[in-house]
């Protein structure tokens, strides 16, 4: 599946299937669990997308996740890094 690649530090919403989400359910799911995560876009390759949801000012991402591209269903840009909401990233 092809996705539009966001710019670094855009705030994005990624919808993905999490095949490992079996440990947080009381009843076993019938397959992968659909999840949504929101964070700053860091990197996208043919294999993964990396986002951060906690950053220190003037530092590298502090906490985030890598999602295999094969699990990604949708990538939506919520705020561009050059918008007024992105001012604290510079």
Protein backbone atom coordinates (compact mmCIF):
# COMPACT_ATOMS: atom_id res chain seq x y z
CA UNK A 1 0.00 0.00 0.00
CA UNK A 2 1.34 3.47 -0.85
CA UNK A 3 0.99 6.33 1.63
CA UNK A 4 1.71 10.05 1.36
CA UNK A 5 4.90 10.64 3.35
CA UNK A 6 4.52 13.37 6.02
CA UNK A 7 7.29 15.86 6.75
CA UNK A 8 9.55 15.43 9.80
CA UNK A 9 7.87 16.75 12.96
CA UNK A 10 4.36 16.78 11.45
CA UNK A 11 1.86 15.52 13.99
CA UNK A 12 0.32 12.38 12.53
CA UNK A 13 -2.30 9.79 13.35
CA UNK A 14 -1.40 6.25 12.33
CA UNK A 15 -4.06 3.52 12.20
CA UNK A 16 -2.56 0.05 12.19
CA UNK A 17 -3.24 -3.60 12.96
CA UNK A 18 -1.32 -4.79 16.02
CA UNK A 19 -0.93 -8.56 15.80
CA UNK A 20 0.84 -8.60 19.20
CA UNK A 21 -2.02 -6.95 21.15
CA UNK A 22 -3.02 -10.20 22.80
CA UNK A 23 -1.70 -9.40 26.27
CA UNK A 24 -4.06 -6.51 27.06
CA UNK A 25 -7.37 -8.18 26.20
CA UNK A 26 -9.45 -10.23 28.58
CA UNK A 27 -10.83 -12.32 25.77
CA UNK A 28 -8.63 -13.46 22.91
CA UNK A 29 -9.29 -11.49 19.73
CA UNK A 30 -10.07 -13.27 16.51
CA UNK A 31 -7.13 -11.60 14.78
CA UNK A 32 -5.02 -8.45 14.87
CA UNK A 33 -6.38 -5.57 16.95
CA UNK A 34 -6.80 -2.22 15.16
CA UNK A 35 -4.96 0.55 17.01
CA UNK A 36 -4.48 4.30 16.59
CA UNK A 37 -1.43 6.26 17.74
CA UNK A 38 -0.76 10.01 17.50
CA UNK A 39 2.70 11.56 17.57
CA UNK A 40 5.43 13.48 15.76
CA UNK A 41 6.50 11.90 12.49
CA UNK A 42 10.19 10.98 12.61
CA UNK A 43 10.96 8.57 9.77
CA UNK A 44 9.36 6.34 7.17
CA UNK A 45 11.08 3.63 5.16
CA UNK A 46 9.69 0.87 3.00
CA UNK A 47 9.71 -1.30 6.14
CA UNK A 48 8.52 0.93 8.99
CA UNK A 49 7.18 4.24 10.21
CA UNK A 50 8.67 5.77 13.37
CA UNK A 51 6.82 8.33 15.47
CA UNK A 52 7.53 9.98 18.82
CA UNK A 53 4.93 10.94 21.39
CA UNK A 54 7.34 12.48 23.89
CA UNK A 55 10.20 14.84 23.01
CA UNK A 56 12.57 16.94 25.02
CA UNK A 57 13.05 20.44 23.64
CA UNK A 58 16.19 20.71 21.48
CA UNK A 59 16.75 16.94 21.80
CA UNK A 60 16.08 13.77 19.88
CA UNK A 61 12.80 11.86 20.33
CA UNK A 62 12.51 10.48 23.82
CA UNK A 63 9.72 7.93 23.55
CA UNK A 64 7.87 6.52 20.58
CA UNK A 65 7.33 3.48 18.46
CA UNK A 66 8.18 1.83 15.16
CA UNK A 67 5.30 0.28 13.26
CA UNK A 68 5.92 -2.21 10.45
CA UNK A 69 4.54 -0.76 7.19
CA UNK A 70 2.77 -4.07 6.53
CA UNK A 71 0.53 -3.34 9.54
CA UNK A 72 -0.23 0.30 8.65
CA UNK A 73 -3.73 0.96 7.35
CA UNK A 74 -3.80 4.78 7.31
CA UNK A 75 -1.51 7.77 7.93
CA UNK A 76 -3.22 11.10 8.51
CA UNK A 77 -1.45 14.42 9.06
CA UNK A 78 -3.10 16.29 11.94
CA UNK A 79 -0.80 19.32 12.02
CA UNK A 80 2.07 20.36 9.75
CA UNK A 81 5.39 21.10 11.47
CA UNK A 82 5.35 24.65 10.10
CA UNK A 83 1.88 25.39 11.51
CA UNK A 84 1.39 27.48 14.68
CA UNK A 85 1.02 24.26 16.71
CA UNK A 86 4.48 23.15 15.62
CA UNK A 87 6.33 26.21 16.93
CA UNK A 88 7.72 24.48 20.01
CA UNK A 89 9.69 21.95 17.96
CA UNK A 90 12.27 24.39 16.62
